[in-house]
Amino acid sequence: MYEQDWGTVPIELSAPVQTPEGIWGVVAQKLYPTYVKSKSVFLCPSDPTGGRLAPNLPGRSPILVVWRGEKWPNSYTFLVNDFVVKLFGKGNPRLKSQSPLFICAAHRRFLGVILIARYDGSILLHPPVVGKLIRAEFEVEGGKKSEEDETL
């Protein structure tokens, strides 16, 4: 629904912004309450921390994101942020259908795999591979697929 309204998936800020209302820039803030009615959808049932580790804000965990007086816990790492769109999408936010949108690191601790949710709605369980990069894949202008956009 968000993509139909805005022509792109929700794009997270690579560095959330501190405002007088609190920290702004996470995907959950763009989706709630217009597109999802409960913030609990951003919490993985396998996450024992209840989203308090904020994997999308490395080096700042545990963190409590508060904006407009509301807490924004999150279990997922969203792979599509403004830096990724600029670098890998060359400014084009249109994703390939198999592109990973977010990962859940909570599964890694207990199951030994990373859960990857893709743009086409499919879910992958991926064994963690040291040094392997998981990133969003973009279409080039005109909807053509590019060799250089393949996942590393």
N, C-alpha and C. Protein backbone atom coordinates (compact mmCIF):
# COMPACT_ATOMS: atom_id res chain seq x y z
N MET A 1 0.82 -1.19 0.00
CA MET A 1 0.00 0.00 0.00
C MET A 1 0.87 1.26 0.00
N TYR A 2 1.93 1.23 0.79
CA TYR A 2 2.82 2.39 0.84
C TYR A 2 3.41 2.64 -0.54
N GLU A 3 3.85 1.57 -1.20
CA GLU A 3 4.46 1.73 -2.52
C GLU A 3 3.44 2.27 -3.53
N GLN A 4 2.22 1.81 -3.46
CA GLN A 4 1.20 2.32 -4.38
C GLN A 4 0.96 3.81 -4.16
N ASP A 5 1.02 4.24 -2.91
CA ASP A 5 0.79 5.65 -2.60
C ASP A 5 1.98 6.53 -2.97
N TRP A 6 3.19 6.04 -2.73
CA TRP A 6 4.39 6.88 -2.86
C TRP A 6 5.32 6.49 -4.01
N GLY A 7 5.07 5.33 -4.67
CA GLY A 7 5.91 4.91 -5.79
C GLY A 7 7.24 4.32 -5.37
N THR A 8 7.38 3.98 -4.10
CA THR A 8 8.61 3.38 -3.59
C THR A 8 8.31 2.64 -2.30
N VAL A 9 9.18 1.72 -1.93
CA VAL A 9 9.06 1.10 -0.61
C VAL A 9 9.46 2.14 0.43
N PRO A 10 9.06 1.98 1.68
CA PRO A 10 9.50 2.94 2.69
C PRO A 10 11.02 2.91 2.83
N ILE A 11 11.63 4.05 2.77
CA ILE A 11 13.09 4.15 2.82
C ILE A 11 13.48 4.74 4.17
N GLU A 12 14.31 4.00 4.88
CA GLU A 12 14.78 4.43 6.19
C GLU A 12 15.93 5.41 6.03
N LEU A 13 16.03 6.35 6.93
CA LEU A 13 17.19 7.25 6.93
C LEU A 13 18.40 6.48 7.41
N SER A 14 19.54 6.64 6.72
CA SER A 14 20.74 5.90 7.13
C SER A 14 21.25 6.37 8.48
N ALA A 15 20.97 7.59 8.84
CA ALA A 15 21.30 8.12 10.16
C ALA A 15 20.05 8.81 10.70
N PRO A 16 19.31 8.13 11.60
CA PRO A 16 18.10 8.77 12.15
C PRO A 16 18.40 10.16 12.71
N VAL A 17 17.43 11.04 12.60
CA VAL A 17 17.60 12.44 12.95
C VAL A 17 17.02 12.72 14.33
N GLN A 18 17.78 13.42 15.15
CA GLN A 18 17.28 13.87 16.45
C GLN A 18 16.50 15.16 16.23
N THR A 19 15.22 15.15 16.57
CA THR A 19 14.37 16.32 16.43
C THR A 19 13.86 16.72 17.82
N PRO A 20 13.21 17.87 17.94
CA PRO A 20 12.63 18.21 19.24
C PRO A 20 11.60 17.18 19.71
N GLU A 21 10.98 16.46 18.76
CA GLU A 21 10.00 15.42 19.11
C GLU A 21 10.66 14.10 19.46
N GLY A 22 11.97 13.94 19.20
CA GLY A 22 12.69 12.69 19.46
C GLY A 22 13.45 12.26 18.23
N ILE A 23 13.72 10.95 18.12
CA ILE A 23 14.47 10.41 16.99
C ILE A 23 13.51 10.06 15.87
N TRP A 24 13.79 10.54 14.66
CA TRP A 24 12.94 10.30 13.48
C TRP A 24 13.75 9.65 12.37
N GLY A 25 13.10 8.74 11.61
CA GLY A 25 13.73 8.20 10.42
C GLY A 25 13.62 6.71 10.27
N VAL A 26 12.90 6.01 11.17
CA VAL A 26 12.78 4.56 11.04
C VAL A 26 11.54 4.22 10.21
N VAL A 27 11.60 3.10 9.52
CA VAL A 27 10.50 2.67 8.64
C VAL A 27 9.19 2.57 9.41
N ALA A 28 9.24 2.08 10.64
CA ALA A 28 8.02 1.91 11.43
C ALA A 28 7.25 3.22 11.55
N GLN A 29 7.94 4.33 11.68
CA GLN A 29 7.28 5.62 11.82
C GLN A 29 6.56 6.02 10.53
N LYS A 30 7.05 5.56 9.39
CA LYS A 30 6.42 5.88 8.12
C LYS A 30 5.18 5.02 7.86
N LEU A 31 5.15 3.83 8.46
CA LEU A 31 4.05 2.90 8.22
C LEU A 31 2.93 2.97 9.24
N TYR A 32 3.24 3.40 10.45
CA TYR A 32 2.25 3.41 11.53
C TYR A 32 1.76 4.83 11.77
N PRO A 33 0.48 5.07 11.90
CA PRO A 33 -0.66 4.15 11.91
C PRO A 33 -1.38 4.06 10.57
N THR A 34 -0.89 4.74 9.52
CA THR A 34 -1.59 4.75 8.24
C THR A 34 -1.65 3.38 7.57
N TYR A 35 -0.54 2.63 7.60
CA TYR A 35 -0.47 1.36 6.86
C TYR A 35 -0.55 0.14 7.76
N VAL A 36 -0.13 0.24 8.99
CA VAL A 36 -0.29 -0.84 9.96
C VAL A 36 -0.92 -0.23 11.21
N LYS A 37 -1.77 -0.98 11.87
CA LYS A 37 -2.51 -0.45 13.02
C LYS A 37 -1.86 -0.77 14.36
N SER A 38 -0.85 -1.64 14.36
CA SER A 38 -0.19 -2.00 15.61
C SER A 38 1.32 -2.02 15.41
N LYS A 39 2.04 -1.38 16.32
CA LYS A 39 3.51 -1.39 16.23
C LYS A 39 4.08 -2.76 16.56
N SER A 40 3.26 -3.68 17.05
CA SER A 40 3.76 -5.01 17.39
C SER A 40 4.22 -5.78 16.15
N VAL A 41 3.79 -5.37 14.94
CA VAL A 41 4.25 -6.06 13.72
C VAL A 41 5.75 -5.86 13.50
N PHE A 42 6.35 -4.89 14.17
CA PHE A 42 7.77 -4.63 14.04
C PHE A 42 8.59 -5.39 15.08
N LEU A 43 7.93 -6.26 15.84
CA LEU A 43 8.62 -7.07 16.85
C LEU A 43 8.52 -8.53 16.45
N CYS A 44 9.66 -9.19 16.32
CA CYS A 44 9.68 -10.60 15.96
C CYS A 44 9.37 -11.44 17.19
N PRO A 45 8.52 -12.45 17.07
CA PRO A 45 8.23 -13.32 18.21
C PRO A 45 9.47 -14.05 18.73
N SER A 46 10.51 -14.18 17.88
CA SER A 46 11.75 -14.85 18.29
C SER A 46 12.74 -13.91 18.96
N ASP A 47 12.38 -12.64 19.10
CA ASP A 47 13.30 -11.66 19.67
C ASP A 47 13.07 -11.54 21.18
N PRO A 48 13.96 -12.11 21.98
CA PRO A 48 13.76 -12.07 23.43
C PRO A 48 13.93 -10.67 24.02
N THR A 49 14.51 -9.73 23.26
CA THR A 49 14.72 -8.39 23.77
C THR A 49 13.51 -7.48 23.52
N GLY A 50 12.53 -7.98 22.77
CA GLY A 50 11.38 -7.15 22.45
C GLY A 50 11.72 -5.95 21.60
N GLY A 51 12.76 -6.08 20.76
CA GLY A 51 13.15 -5.01 19.87
C GLY A 51 14.05 -3.97 20.49
N ARG A 52 14.54 -4.23 21.69
CA ARG A 52 15.35 -3.23 22.38
C ARG A 52 16.79 -3.15 21.87
N LEU A 53 17.23 -4.13 21.06
CA LEU A 53 18.61 -4.09 20.57
C LEU A 53 18.76 -3.21 19.34
N ALA A 54 17.66 -2.85 18.69
CA ALA A 54 17.67 -1.95 17.53
C ALA A 54 18.82 -2.26 16.58
N PRO A 55 18.76 -3.43 15.88
CA PRO A 55 19.87 -3.80 15.00
C PRO A 55 20.09 -2.83 13.86
N ASN A 56 19.09 -2.00 13.54
CA ASN A 56 19.26 -1.03 12.46
C ASN A 56 20.03 0.20 12.92
N LEU A 57 20.38 0.26 14.19
CA LEU A 57 21.19 1.38 14.69
C LEU A 57 22.44 0.80 15.36
N PRO A 58 23.36 0.23 14.57
CA PRO A 58 24.53 -0.42 15.16
C PRO A 58 25.36 0.55 15.99
N GLY A 59 25.93 0.02 17.06
CA GLY A 59 26.77 0.82 17.92
C GLY A 59 25.98 1.67 18.91
N ARG A 60 24.64 1.64 18.81
CA ARG A 60 23.82 2.45 19.70
C ARG A 60 22.82 1.57 20.43
N SER A 61 23.15 0.28 20.60
CA SER A 61 22.25 -0.65 21.28
C SER A 61 22.77 -0.90 22.69
N PRO A 62 21.94 -1.16 23.68
CA PRO A 62 20.49 -1.05 23.52
C PRO A 62 20.07 0.41 23.41
N ILE A 63 19.03 0.63 22.65
CA ILE A 63 18.56 2.00 22.43
C ILE A 63 17.05 2.03 22.56
N LEU A 64 16.55 3.11 23.00
CA LEU A 64 15.11 3.29 23.05
C LEU A 64 14.79 4.48 22.15
N VAL A 65 14.22 4.18 20.99
CA VAL A 65 13.83 5.25 20.08
C VAL A 65 12.48 5.78 20.55
N VAL A 66 12.44 7.06 20.85
CA VAL A 66 11.20 7.70 21.27
C VAL A 66 10.97 8.88 20.34
N TRP A 67 9.76 8.93 19.78
CA TRP A 67 9.39 10.05 18.90
C TRP A 67 7.95 10.44 19.21
N ARG A 68 7.73 11.70 19.46
CA ARG A 68 6.41 12.23 19.84
C ARG A 68 5.84 11.47 21.04
N GLY A 69 6.72 11.13 21.98
CA GLY A 69 6.29 10.48 23.21
C GLY A 69 6.01 9.00 23.09
N GLU A 70 6.18 8.42 21.90
CA GLU A 70 5.94 7.00 21.71
C GLU A 70 7.24 6.24 21.54
N LYS A 71 7.30 5.02 22.08
CA LYS A 71 8.47 4.16 21.92
C LYS A 71 8.38 3.42 20.59
N TRP A 72 9.53 3.18 19.96
CA TRP A 72 9.57 2.52 18.66
C TRP A 72 10.55 1.34 18.68
N PRO A 73 10.24 0.30 19.45
CA PRO A 73 11.11 -0.88 19.43
C PRO A 73 10.99 -1.59 18.07
N ASN A 74 12.05 -2.27 17.66
CA ASN A 74 12.08 -2.87 16.33
C ASN A 74 13.03 -4.06 16.35
N SER A 75 12.58 -5.20 15.83
CA SER A 75 13.42 -6.40 15.77
C SER A 75 14.16 -6.55 14.45
N TYR A 76 13.86 -5.72 13.48
CA TYR A 76 14.34 -5.96 12.12
C TYR A 76 15.36 -4.92 11.66
N THR A 77 16.25 -5.36 10.78
CA THR A 77 17.18 -4.47 10.11
C THR A 77 16.62 -4.23 8.71
N PHE A 78 16.21 -3.01 8.42
CA PHE A 78 15.70 -2.67 7.10
C PHE A 78 16.88 -2.35 6.20
N LEU A 79 16.92 -2.99 5.02
CA LEU A 79 18.07 -2.89 4.14
C LEU A 79 17.96 -1.73 3.16
N VAL A 80 16.80 -1.12 3.07
CA VAL A 80 16.61 -0.04 2.10
C VAL A 80 16.61 1.29 2.86
N ASN A 81 17.75 1.96 2.80
CA ASN A 81 17.82 3.30 3.39
C ASN A 81 18.30 4.27 2.32
N ASP A 82 18.34 5.56 2.66
CA ASP A 82 18.68 6.57 1.66
C ASP A 82 20.07 6.38 1.08
N PHE A 83 21.03 5.90 1.88
CA PHE A 83 22.39 5.67 1.39
C PHE A 83 22.42 4.51 0.39
N VAL A 84 21.70 3.42 0.71
CA VAL A 84 21.65 2.25 -0.17
C VAL A 84 21.00 2.61 -1.51
N VAL A 85 19.92 3.40 -1.47
CA VAL A 85 19.25 3.82 -2.71
C VAL A 85 20.22 4.64 -3.56
N LYS A 86 20.95 5.55 -2.94
CA LYS A 86 21.89 6.39 -3.68
C LYS A 86 23.04 5.57 -4.26
N LEU A 87 23.61 4.66 -3.44
CA LEU A 87 24.79 3.90 -3.87
C LEU A 87 24.46 2.77 -4.83
N PHE A 88 23.53 1.88 -4.44
CA PHE A 88 23.25 0.70 -5.25
C PHE A 88 22.13 0.92 -6.25
N GLY A 89 21.15 1.77 -5.92
CA GLY A 89 20.06 2.05 -6.83
C GLY A 89 20.33 3.22 -7.74
N LYS A 90 21.48 3.88 -7.52
CA LYS A 90 21.86 5.06 -8.30
C LYS A 90 20.73 6.09 -8.30
N GLY A 91 20.05 6.20 -7.13
CA GLY A 91 18.97 7.15 -6.95
C GLY A 91 17.60 6.62 -7.29
N ASN A 92 17.53 5.42 -7.90
CA ASN A 92 16.26 4.81 -8.29
C ASN A 92 15.79 3.88 -7.16
N PRO A 93 14.65 4.16 -6.51
CA PRO A 93 14.20 3.32 -5.40
C PRO A 93 13.39 2.09 -5.81
N ARG A 94 13.28 1.81 -7.12
CA ARG A 94 12.51 0.65 -7.59
C ARG A 94 13.30 -0.64 -7.37
N LEU A 95 12.73 -1.54 -6.56
CA LEU A 95 13.42 -2.78 -6.20
C LEU A 95 13.10 -3.91 -7.17
N LYS A 96 14.05 -4.83 -7.33
CA LYS A 96 13.79 -6.08 -8.04
C LYS A 96 12.91 -6.94 -7.14
N SER A 97 12.12 -7.83 -7.73
CA SER A 97 11.15 -8.60 -6.96
C SER A 97 11.80 -9.50 -5.91
N GLN A 98 13.00 -10.01 -6.18
CA GLN A 98 13.68 -10.90 -5.24
C GLN A 98 14.54 -10.15 -4.23
N SER A 99 14.49 -8.85 -4.26
CA SER A 99 15.34 -8.05 -3.38
C SER A 99 14.97 -8.26 -1.91
N PRO A 100 15.97 -8.42 -1.05
CA PRO A 100 15.68 -8.48 0.38
C PRO A 100 15.30 -7.10 0.90
N LEU A 101 14.22 -7.06 1.71
CA LEU A 101 13.77 -5.80 2.30
C LEU A 101 14.30 -5.62 3.72
N PHE A 102 14.21 -6.72 4.50
CA PHE A 102 14.71 -6.64 5.87
C PHE A 102 15.14 -8.02 6.33
N ILE A 103 15.94 -8.03 7.38
CA ILE A 103 16.39 -9.29 7.99
C ILE A 103 16.05 -9.24 9.47
N CYS A 104 15.93 -10.41 10.07
CA CYS A 104 15.69 -10.52 11.50
C CYS A 104 16.89 -11.22 12.13
N ALA A 105 17.66 -10.46 12.86
CA ALA A 105 18.85 -11.01 13.50
C ALA A 105 18.51 -11.87 14.71
N ALA A 106 17.31 -11.73 15.27
CA ALA A 106 16.92 -12.51 16.45
C ALA A 106 16.97 -14.01 16.14
N HIS A 107 16.68 -14.39 14.92
CA HIS A 107 16.71 -15.81 14.55
C HIS A 107 18.13 -16.37 14.57
N ARG A 108 19.09 -15.53 14.34
CA ARG A 108 20.49 -15.98 14.30
C ARG A 108 20.92 -16.53 15.66
N ARG A 109 20.49 -15.86 16.74
CA ARG A 109 20.88 -16.29 18.08
C ARG A 109 20.35 -17.66 18.44
N PHE A 110 19.10 -17.97 18.01
CA PHE A 110 18.44 -19.18 18.45
C PHE A 110 18.39 -20.29 17.41
N LEU A 111 18.25 -19.94 16.15
CA LEU A 111 18.13 -20.94 15.10
C LEU A 111 19.39 -21.10 14.27
N GLY A 112 20.33 -20.18 14.41
CA GLY A 112 21.55 -20.25 13.63
C GLY A 112 21.38 -19.82 12.19
N VAL A 113 20.24 -19.18 11.88
CA VAL A 113 19.98 -18.69 10.52
C VAL A 113 19.48 -17.26 10.61
N ILE A 114 19.58 -16.56 9.50
CA ILE A 114 19.04 -15.21 9.40
C ILE A 114 17.76 -15.30 8.58
N LEU A 115 16.68 -14.72 9.08
CA LEU A 115 15.44 -14.66 8.34
C LEU A 115 15.51 -13.45 7.42
N ILE A 116 15.26 -13.68 6.13
CA ILE A 116 15.30 -12.61 5.14
C ILE A 116 13.92 -12.50 4.49
N ALA A 117 13.28 -11.34 4.61
CA ALA A 117 12.00 -11.09 3.95
C ALA A 117 12.28 -10.34 2.65
N ARG A 118 11.75 -10.86 1.55
CA ARG A 118 12.01 -10.26 0.25
C ARG A 118 10.81 -9.45 -0.25
N TYR A 119 11.07 -8.60 -1.20
CA TYR A 119 10.08 -7.69 -1.77
C TYR A 119 8.88 -8.42 -2.35
N ASP A 120 9.08 -9.59 -2.92
CA ASP A 120 7.98 -10.34 -3.52
C ASP A 120 7.13 -11.07 -2.48
N GLY A 121 7.45 -10.91 -1.19
CA GLY A 121 6.68 -11.54 -0.12
C GLY A 121 7.24 -12.86 0.35
N SER A 122 8.25 -13.39 -0.31
CA SER A 122 8.83 -14.66 0.11
C SER A 122 9.78 -14.45 1.30
N ILE A 123 10.00 -15.52 2.03
CA ILE A 123 10.87 -15.51 3.19
C ILE A 123 11.96 -16.56 2.97
N LEU A 124 13.20 -16.20 3.26
CA LEU A 124 14.31 -17.13 3.18
C LEU A 124 14.92 -17.30 4.56
N LEU A 125 15.38 -18.50 4.85
CA LEU A 125 16.22 -18.73 6.02
C LEU A 125 17.62 -18.94 5.49
N HIS A 126 18.51 -18.06 5.84
CA HIS A 126 19.85 -18.04 5.25
C HIS A 126 20.89 -18.30 6.33
N PRO A 127 21.77 -19.29 6.11
CA PRO A 127 22.83 -19.49 7.11
C PRO A 127 23.76 -18.28 7.12
N PRO A 128 24.09 -17.78 8.31
CA PRO A 128 24.99 -16.63 8.35
C PRO A 128 26.35 -16.98 7.77
N VAL A 129 26.82 -16.19 6.85
CA VAL A 129 28.11 -16.40 6.22
C VAL A 129 28.97 -15.19 6.52
N VAL A 130 30.09 -15.43 7.16
CA VAL A 130 30.98 -14.33 7.52
C VAL A 130 31.49 -13.67 6.24
N GLY A 131 31.36 -12.37 6.18
CA GLY A 131 31.86 -11.62 5.04
C GLY A 131 30.90 -11.50 3.88
N LYS A 132 29.78 -12.23 3.91
CA LYS A 132 28.80 -12.13 2.82
C LYS A 132 27.86 -10.97 3.08
N LEU A 133 27.66 -10.16 2.09
CA LEU A 133 26.83 -8.97 2.21
C LEU A 133 25.43 -9.26 1.68
N ILE A 134 24.44 -8.92 2.46
CA ILE A 134 23.05 -9.02 2.00
C ILE A 134 22.56 -7.59 1.82
N ARG A 135 22.15 -7.26 0.60
CA ARG A 135 21.71 -5.90 0.35
C ARG A 135 20.56 -5.87 -0.64
N ALA A 136 19.86 -4.78 -0.67
CA ALA A 136 18.75 -4.60 -1.58
C ALA A 136 19.25 -4.55 -3.02
N GLU A 137 18.42 -5.06 -3.94
CA GLU A 137 18.75 -5.03 -5.36
C GLU A 137 17.75 -4.11 -6.07
N PHE A 138 18.24 -3.32 -7.00
CA PHE A 138 17.41 -2.32 -7.66
C PHE A 138 17.33 -2.56 -9.16
N GLU A 139 16.20 -2.10 -9.74
CA GLU A 139 16.06 -2.10 -11.19
C GLU A 139 16.78 -0.87 -11.72
N VAL A 140 17.31 -0.99 -12.92
CA VAL A 140 17.89 0.19 -13.55
C VAL A 140 16.76 0.94 -14.25
N GLU A 141 17.04 2.11 -14.72
CA GLU A 141 16.02 2.94 -15.37
C GLU A 141 15.31 2.15 -16.47
N GLY A 142 14.01 2.25 -16.54
CA GLY A 142 13.22 1.55 -17.54
C GLY A 142 12.84 0.14 -17.13
N GLY A 143 13.16 -0.27 -15.90
CA GLY A 143 12.78 -1.60 -15.41
C GLY A 143 13.69 -2.72 -15.85
N LYS A 144 14.79 -2.41 -16.55
CA LYS A 144 15.72 -3.45 -16.97
C LYS A 144 16.57 -3.88 -15.79
N LYS A 145 17.01 -5.13 -15.81
CA LYS A 145 17.87 -5.60 -14.74
C LYS A 145 19.32 -5.45 -15.16
N SER A 146 20.14 -5.10 -14.21
CA SER A 146 21.54 -4.84 -14.50
C SER A 146 22.42 -5.87 -13.83
N GLU A 147 23.46 -6.30 -14.51
CA GLU A 147 24.42 -7.27 -13.95
C GLU A 147 25.09 -6.71 -12.70
N GLU A 148 25.41 -5.42 -12.70
CA GLU A 148 26.14 -4.84 -11.58
C GLU A 148 25.26 -4.70 -10.32
N ASP A 149 23.95 -4.87 -10.44
CA ASP A 149 23.07 -4.75 -9.29
C ASP A 149 22.91 -6.06 -8.53
N GLU A 150 23.54 -7.13 -8.97
CA GLU A 150 23.39 -8.41 -8.30
C GLU A 150 23.98 -8.37 -6.90
N THR A 151 23.38 -9.19 -6.01
CA THR A 151 23.85 -9.25 -4.63
C THR A 151 25.27 -9.80 -4.58
N LEU A 152 26.09 -9.22 -3.72
CA LEU A 152 27.46 -9.70 -3.56
C LEU A 152 27.48 -11.03 -2.88
